[in-house]
Amino acid sequence: MFQLRLAQQQQQQQEQCSDGGGGAEVVKWIETLQGLEKEKLNYTAALHLEKIRGRNEVVEREIASQNGGGTGGNDGNERIAQLLEESIVSLEGKVRGCVEEINEILEELRYAAADMDE
């Protein structure tokens, strides 16, 4: 439903642009916004998966230690945990970056809407 409304808004903006309404920039911003939202969604999904993997890794290590698992492979488990944490931090940064870009575009759209109202 949301995408349908965005597509309708985009169509209206394109019509305004062809009528000399100056909406070419607005159309470009909306297209960019849609791309960023998709990118953010992908990063968010990947982030959730990495967090689940991290929790599973912790649980597996706890179970192994409770069952008297030896120290063999412990360095590998620590390395896996470290890589998962680095991945989580990286993905969080990418999500934040997308949110910042989305907010900048939304601000530009607010200014454009105010200009159109005048």
N, C-alpha and C. Protein backbone atom coordinates (compact mmCIF):
# COMPACT_ATOMS: atom_id res chain seq x y z
N MET A 1 0.82 -1.18 0.00
CA MET A 1 0.00 0.00 0.00
C MET A 1 0.87 1.26 0.00
N PHE A 2 1.92 1.23 0.85
CA PHE A 2 2.82 2.38 0.95
C PHE A 2 3.52 2.62 -0.38
N GLN A 3 3.98 1.54 -1.03
CA GLN A 3 4.67 1.68 -2.30
C GLN A 3 3.72 2.21 -3.37
N LEU A 4 2.45 1.80 -3.31
CA LEU A 4 1.47 2.28 -4.26
C LEU A 4 1.29 3.79 -4.11
N ARG A 5 1.20 4.26 -2.87
CA ARG A 5 1.07 5.70 -2.65
C ARG A 5 2.31 6.45 -3.14
N LEU A 6 3.50 5.88 -2.89
CA LEU A 6 4.71 6.52 -3.37
C LEU A 6 4.74 6.57 -4.90
N ALA A 7 4.31 5.49 -5.53
CA ALA A 7 4.27 5.45 -6.99
C ALA A 7 3.29 6.50 -7.52
N GLN A 8 2.14 6.64 -6.85
CA GLN A 8 1.17 7.65 -7.27
C GLN A 8 1.73 9.05 -7.10
N GLN A 9 2.41 9.28 -5.97
CA GLN A 9 3.02 10.58 -5.74
C GLN A 9 4.09 10.87 -6.79
N GLN A 10 4.85 9.84 -7.11
CA GLN A 10 5.90 10.00 -8.11
C GLN A 10 5.28 10.34 -9.47
N GLN A 11 4.19 9.67 -9.82
CA GLN A 11 3.51 9.95 -11.07
C GLN A 11 2.99 11.39 -11.10
N GLN A 12 2.42 11.83 -9.99
CA GLN A 12 1.93 13.20 -9.92
C GLN A 12 3.07 14.20 -10.08
N GLN A 13 4.20 13.89 -9.45
CA GLN A 13 5.35 14.79 -9.55
C GLN A 13 5.87 14.84 -10.98
N GLN A 14 5.87 13.71 -11.66
CA GLN A 14 6.32 13.69 -13.04
C GLN A 14 5.38 14.51 -13.93
N GLU A 15 4.08 14.42 -13.65
CA GLU A 15 3.11 15.21 -14.40
C GLU A 15 3.33 16.70 -14.16
N GLN A 16 3.60 17.07 -12.92
CA GLN A 16 3.87 18.47 -12.61
C GLN A 16 5.13 18.94 -13.32
N CYS A 17 6.10 18.06 -13.37
CA CYS A 17 7.37 18.39 -14.02
C CYS A 17 7.13 18.65 -15.50
N SER A 18 6.33 17.80 -16.14
CA SER A 18 6.08 17.98 -17.57
C SER A 18 5.20 19.21 -17.82
N ASP A 19 4.45 19.64 -16.82
CA ASP A 19 3.61 20.84 -16.94
C ASP A 19 4.39 22.11 -16.58
N GLY A 20 5.68 21.96 -16.31
CA GLY A 20 6.48 23.11 -15.93
C GLY A 20 6.41 23.41 -14.46
N GLY A 21 5.97 22.43 -13.64
CA GLY A 21 5.83 22.65 -12.22
C GLY A 21 7.14 22.59 -11.46
N GLY A 22 8.23 22.25 -12.12
CA GLY A 22 9.53 22.23 -11.47
C GLY A 22 9.70 21.06 -10.52
N GLY A 23 9.02 19.96 -10.74
CA GLY A 23 9.09 18.82 -9.83
C GLY A 23 10.15 17.80 -10.18
N ALA A 24 11.04 18.10 -11.14
CA ALA A 24 12.05 17.13 -11.54
C ALA A 24 12.95 16.75 -10.36
N GLU A 25 13.33 17.74 -9.57
CA GLU A 25 14.17 17.45 -8.40
C GLU A 25 13.41 16.60 -7.40
N VAL A 26 12.15 16.89 -7.21
CA VAL A 26 11.34 16.15 -6.25
C VAL A 26 11.24 14.70 -6.68
N VAL A 27 11.03 14.46 -7.96
CA VAL A 27 10.94 13.09 -8.47
C VAL A 27 12.26 12.37 -8.20
N LYS A 28 13.36 13.04 -8.46
CA LYS A 28 14.68 12.45 -8.23
C LYS A 28 14.88 12.12 -6.75
N TRP A 29 14.45 13.03 -5.87
CA TRP A 29 14.59 12.79 -4.43
C TRP A 29 13.74 11.61 -3.99
N ILE A 30 12.54 11.51 -4.53
CA ILE A 30 11.67 10.40 -4.15
C ILE A 30 12.26 9.07 -4.60
N GLU A 31 12.80 9.05 -5.82
CA GLU A 31 13.44 7.82 -6.30
C GLU A 31 14.65 7.45 -5.44
N THR A 32 15.43 8.45 -5.08
CA THR A 32 16.59 8.21 -4.21
C THR A 32 16.13 7.73 -2.84
N LEU A 33 15.08 8.34 -2.33
CA LEU A 33 14.52 7.96 -1.04
C LEU A 33 14.07 6.50 -1.05
N GLN A 34 13.40 6.10 -2.12
CA GLN A 34 12.95 4.71 -2.22
C GLN A 34 14.13 3.75 -2.23
N GLY A 35 15.19 4.11 -2.95
CA GLY A 35 16.38 3.27 -2.99
C GLY A 35 17.04 3.15 -1.62
N LEU A 36 17.11 4.27 -0.91
CA LEU A 36 17.72 4.26 0.42
C LEU A 36 16.89 3.45 1.42
N GLU A 37 15.57 3.55 1.30
CA GLU A 37 14.70 2.78 2.18
C GLU A 37 14.90 1.28 1.94
N LYS A 38 15.05 0.89 0.69
CA LYS A 38 15.29 -0.51 0.36
C LYS A 38 16.64 -0.97 0.92
N GLU A 39 17.65 -0.14 0.74
CA GLU A 39 18.98 -0.44 1.25
C GLU A 39 18.96 -0.58 2.77
N LYS A 40 18.27 0.35 3.43
CA LYS A 40 18.16 0.31 4.90
C LYS A 40 17.46 -0.97 5.35
N LEU A 41 16.42 -1.36 4.63
CA LEU A 41 15.70 -2.59 4.96
C LEU A 41 16.62 -3.80 4.85
N ASN A 42 17.42 -3.85 3.80
CA ASN A 42 18.35 -4.97 3.63
C ASN A 42 19.39 -5.00 4.74
N TYR A 43 19.94 -3.83 5.08
CA TYR A 43 20.93 -3.77 6.17
C TYR A 43 20.29 -4.17 7.50
N THR A 44 19.06 -3.73 7.74
CA THR A 44 18.38 -4.05 8.99
C THR A 44 18.14 -5.56 9.09
N ALA A 45 17.72 -6.17 8.01
CA ALA A 45 17.51 -7.63 8.01
C ALA A 45 18.82 -8.36 8.28
N ALA A 46 19.89 -7.92 7.63
CA ALA A 46 21.20 -8.54 7.84
C ALA A 46 21.66 -8.35 9.28
N LEU A 47 21.39 -7.18 9.83
CA LEU A 47 21.76 -6.90 11.22
C LEU A 47 21.04 -7.84 12.18
N HIS A 48 19.76 -8.03 11.96
CA HIS A 48 19.01 -8.94 12.82
C HIS A 48 19.54 -10.37 12.73
N LEU A 49 19.88 -10.80 11.52
CA LEU A 49 20.44 -12.14 11.35
C LEU A 49 21.77 -12.29 12.09
N GLU A 50 22.63 -11.28 11.99
CA GLU A 50 23.91 -11.33 12.68
C GLU A 50 23.73 -11.36 14.20
N LYS A 51 22.77 -10.61 14.70
CA LYS A 51 22.51 -10.63 16.14
C LYS A 51 22.00 -12.01 16.58
N ILE A 52 21.18 -12.62 15.76
CA ILE A 52 20.70 -13.97 16.08
C ILE A 52 21.86 -14.95 16.07
N ARG A 53 22.72 -14.83 15.06
CA ARG A 53 23.91 -15.71 15.01
C ARG A 53 24.78 -15.51 16.23
N GLY A 54 24.94 -14.24 16.65
CA GLY A 54 25.75 -13.96 17.83
C GLY A 54 25.17 -14.58 19.08
N ARG A 55 23.85 -14.48 19.24
CA ARG A 55 23.21 -15.10 20.41
C ARG A 55 23.34 -16.62 20.36
N ASN A 56 23.18 -17.19 19.18
CA ASN A 56 23.31 -18.64 19.04
C ASN A 56 24.73 -19.09 19.37
N GLU A 57 25.71 -18.31 18.98
CA GLU A 57 27.10 -18.64 19.27
C GLU A 57 27.34 -18.63 20.78
N VAL A 58 26.79 -17.66 21.48
CA VAL A 58 26.94 -17.58 22.94
C VAL A 58 26.29 -18.80 23.59
N VAL A 59 25.09 -19.13 23.15
CA VAL A 59 24.38 -20.28 23.71
C VAL A 59 25.16 -21.57 23.46
N GLU A 60 25.68 -21.74 22.26
CA GLU A 60 26.45 -22.94 21.94
C GLU A 60 27.70 -23.05 22.82
N ARG A 61 28.36 -21.93 23.05
CA ARG A 61 29.55 -21.95 23.91
C ARG A 61 29.18 -22.29 25.35
N GLU A 62 28.05 -21.76 25.83
CA GLU A 62 27.61 -22.07 27.19
C GLU A 62 27.26 -23.55 27.33
N ILE A 63 26.58 -24.09 26.35
CA ILE A 63 26.21 -25.51 26.39
C ILE A 63 27.47 -26.37 26.36
N ALA A 64 28.42 -26.00 25.52
CA ALA A 64 29.66 -26.78 25.43
C ALA A 64 30.42 -26.74 26.75
N SER A 65 30.44 -25.59 27.41
CA SER A 65 31.17 -25.49 28.68
C SER A 65 30.44 -26.25 29.79
N GLN A 66 29.11 -26.28 29.75
CA GLN A 66 28.35 -27.03 30.75
C GLN A 66 28.48 -28.53 30.57
N ASN A 67 28.65 -28.95 29.34
CA ASN A 67 28.78 -30.38 29.04
C ASN A 67 30.22 -30.84 29.15
N GLY A 68 31.06 -30.01 29.69
CA GLY A 68 32.45 -30.40 29.89
C GLY A 68 33.24 -30.39 28.62
N GLY A 69 32.82 -29.57 27.67
CA GLY A 69 33.55 -29.46 26.42
C GLY A 69 34.96 -28.98 26.69
N GLY A 70 35.91 -29.56 26.02
CA GLY A 70 37.30 -29.18 26.22
C GLY A 70 37.59 -27.80 25.66
N THR A 71 38.81 -27.39 25.84
CA THR A 71 39.21 -26.07 25.35
C THR A 71 39.58 -26.13 23.88
N GLY A 72 39.58 -27.31 23.30
CA GLY A 72 39.89 -27.42 21.88
C GLY A 72 38.89 -26.64 21.05
N GLY A 73 39.39 -25.80 20.16
CA GLY A 73 38.52 -25.02 19.31
C GLY A 73 38.03 -23.75 19.96
N ASN A 74 38.46 -23.49 21.19
CA ASN A 74 38.00 -22.28 21.89
C ASN A 74 38.47 -21.02 21.18
N ASP A 75 39.72 -21.06 20.65
CA ASP A 75 40.22 -19.90 19.91
C ASP A 75 39.36 -19.63 18.69
N GLY A 76 38.91 -20.69 18.02
CA GLY A 76 38.05 -20.54 16.86
C GLY A 76 36.72 -19.93 17.24
N ASN A 77 36.18 -20.36 18.39
CA ASN A 77 34.91 -19.80 18.86
C ASN A 77 35.05 -18.33 19.21
N GLU A 78 36.17 -17.97 19.82
CA GLU A 78 36.40 -16.57 20.16
C GLU A 78 36.52 -15.73 18.89
N ARG A 79 37.18 -16.28 17.88
CA ARG A 79 37.34 -15.56 16.62
C ARG A 79 35.98 -15.38 15.95
N ILE A 80 35.14 -16.40 15.98
CA ILE A 80 33.80 -16.29 15.41
C ILE A 80 33.00 -15.20 16.13
N ALA A 81 33.07 -15.21 17.45
CA ALA A 81 32.35 -14.20 18.23
C ALA A 81 32.85 -12.80 17.89
N GLN A 82 34.16 -12.65 17.72
CA GLN A 82 34.74 -11.36 17.38
C GLN A 82 34.27 -10.91 16.00
N LEU A 83 34.27 -11.81 15.03
CA LEU A 83 33.82 -11.47 13.68
C LEU A 83 32.34 -11.08 13.66
N LEU A 84 31.54 -11.80 14.43
CA LEU A 84 30.12 -11.47 14.50
C LEU A 84 29.92 -10.08 15.10
N GLU A 85 30.67 -9.77 16.14
CA GLU A 85 30.55 -8.45 16.77
C GLU A 85 30.99 -7.34 15.81
N GLU A 86 32.07 -7.58 15.07
CA GLU A 86 32.52 -6.59 14.09
C GLU A 86 31.48 -6.39 13.00
N SER A 87 30.87 -7.47 12.57
CA SER A 87 29.84 -7.39 11.55
C SER A 87 28.63 -6.61 12.05
N ILE A 88 28.24 -6.85 13.29
CA ILE A 88 27.10 -6.14 13.88
C ILE A 88 27.40 -4.64 13.95
N VAL A 89 28.58 -4.29 14.41
CA VAL A 89 28.96 -2.87 14.50
C VAL A 89 28.95 -2.22 13.12
N SER A 90 29.49 -2.94 12.13
CA SER A 90 29.52 -2.42 10.76
C SER A 90 28.12 -2.20 10.21
N LEU A 91 27.24 -3.18 10.40
CA LEU A 91 25.87 -3.07 9.90
C LEU A 91 25.10 -1.95 10.61
N GLU A 92 25.34 -1.80 11.91
CA GLU A 92 24.69 -0.70 12.64
C GLU A 92 25.11 0.64 12.06
N GLY A 93 26.38 0.76 11.71
CA GLY A 93 26.86 1.99 11.10
C GLY A 93 26.23 2.24 9.74
N LYS A 94 26.06 1.18 8.96
CA LYS A 94 25.43 1.33 7.65
C LYS A 94 23.96 1.72 7.77
N VAL A 95 23.27 1.15 8.75
CA VAL A 95 21.86 1.53 8.97
C VAL A 95 21.79 3.00 9.38
N ARG A 96 22.67 3.42 10.29
CA ARG A 96 22.69 4.83 10.71
C ARG A 96 22.97 5.75 9.52
N GLY A 97 23.91 5.34 8.66
CA GLY A 97 24.23 6.14 7.49
C GLY A 97 23.02 6.31 6.57
N CYS A 98 22.30 5.21 6.36
CA CYS A 98 21.09 5.28 5.53
C CYS A 98 20.05 6.19 6.16
N VAL A 99 19.88 6.08 7.47
CA VAL A 99 18.89 6.92 8.16
C VAL A 99 19.26 8.40 8.02
N GLU A 100 20.54 8.71 8.14
CA GLU A 100 20.97 10.10 7.99
C GLU A 100 20.68 10.62 6.58
N GLU A 101 20.98 9.79 5.57
CA GLU A 101 20.71 10.20 4.19
C GLU A 101 19.21 10.36 3.95
N ILE A 102 18.42 9.45 4.50
CA ILE A 102 16.96 9.52 4.36
C ILE A 102 16.45 10.81 4.99
N ASN A 103 16.96 11.13 6.18
CA ASN A 103 16.52 12.36 6.85
C ASN A 103 16.90 13.61 6.05
N GLU A 104 18.06 13.60 5.41
CA GLU A 104 18.47 14.74 4.59
C GLU A 104 17.51 14.91 3.41
N ILE A 105 17.16 13.81 2.77
CA ILE A 105 16.24 13.89 1.63
C ILE A 105 14.86 14.35 2.09
N LEU A 106 14.41 13.84 3.22
CA LEU A 106 13.11 14.27 3.73
C LEU A 106 13.10 15.77 4.02
N GLU A 107 14.20 16.26 4.52
CA GLU A 107 14.31 17.70 4.78
C GLU A 107 14.23 18.48 3.47
N GLU A 108 14.91 18.00 2.45
CA GLU A 108 14.85 18.65 1.14
C GLU A 108 13.43 18.62 0.59
N LEU A 109 12.74 17.50 0.78
CA LEU A 109 11.36 17.40 0.32
C LEU A 109 10.45 18.37 1.07
N ARG A 110 10.71 18.56 2.36
CA ARG A 110 9.93 19.54 3.13
C ARG A 110 10.13 20.95 2.57
N TYR A 111 11.39 21.29 2.27
CA TYR A 111 11.66 22.61 1.68
C TYR A 111 10.98 22.76 0.33
N ALA A 112 11.03 21.70 -0.48
CA ALA A 112 10.39 21.75 -1.81
C ALA A 112 8.89 21.91 -1.67
N ALA A 113 8.30 21.21 -0.71
CA ALA A 113 6.85 21.32 -0.49
C ALA A 113 6.48 22.73 -0.04
N ALA A 114 7.31 23.31 0.81
CA ALA A 114 7.05 24.68 1.27
C ALA A 114 7.17 25.66 0.10
N ASP A 115 8.13 25.44 -0.78
CA ASP A 115 8.30 26.31 -1.94
C ASP A 115 7.11 26.19 -2.89
N MET A 116 6.57 24.97 -3.03
CA MET A 116 5.43 24.76 -3.93
C MET A 116 4.17 25.42 -3.38
N ASP A 117 4.08 25.49 -2.04
CA ASP A 117 2.91 26.10 -1.43
C ASP A 117 2.89 27.62 -1.61
N GLU A 118 4.06 28.20 -1.79
CA GLU A 118 4.15 29.67 -1.90
C GLU A 118 3.68 30.17 -3.22
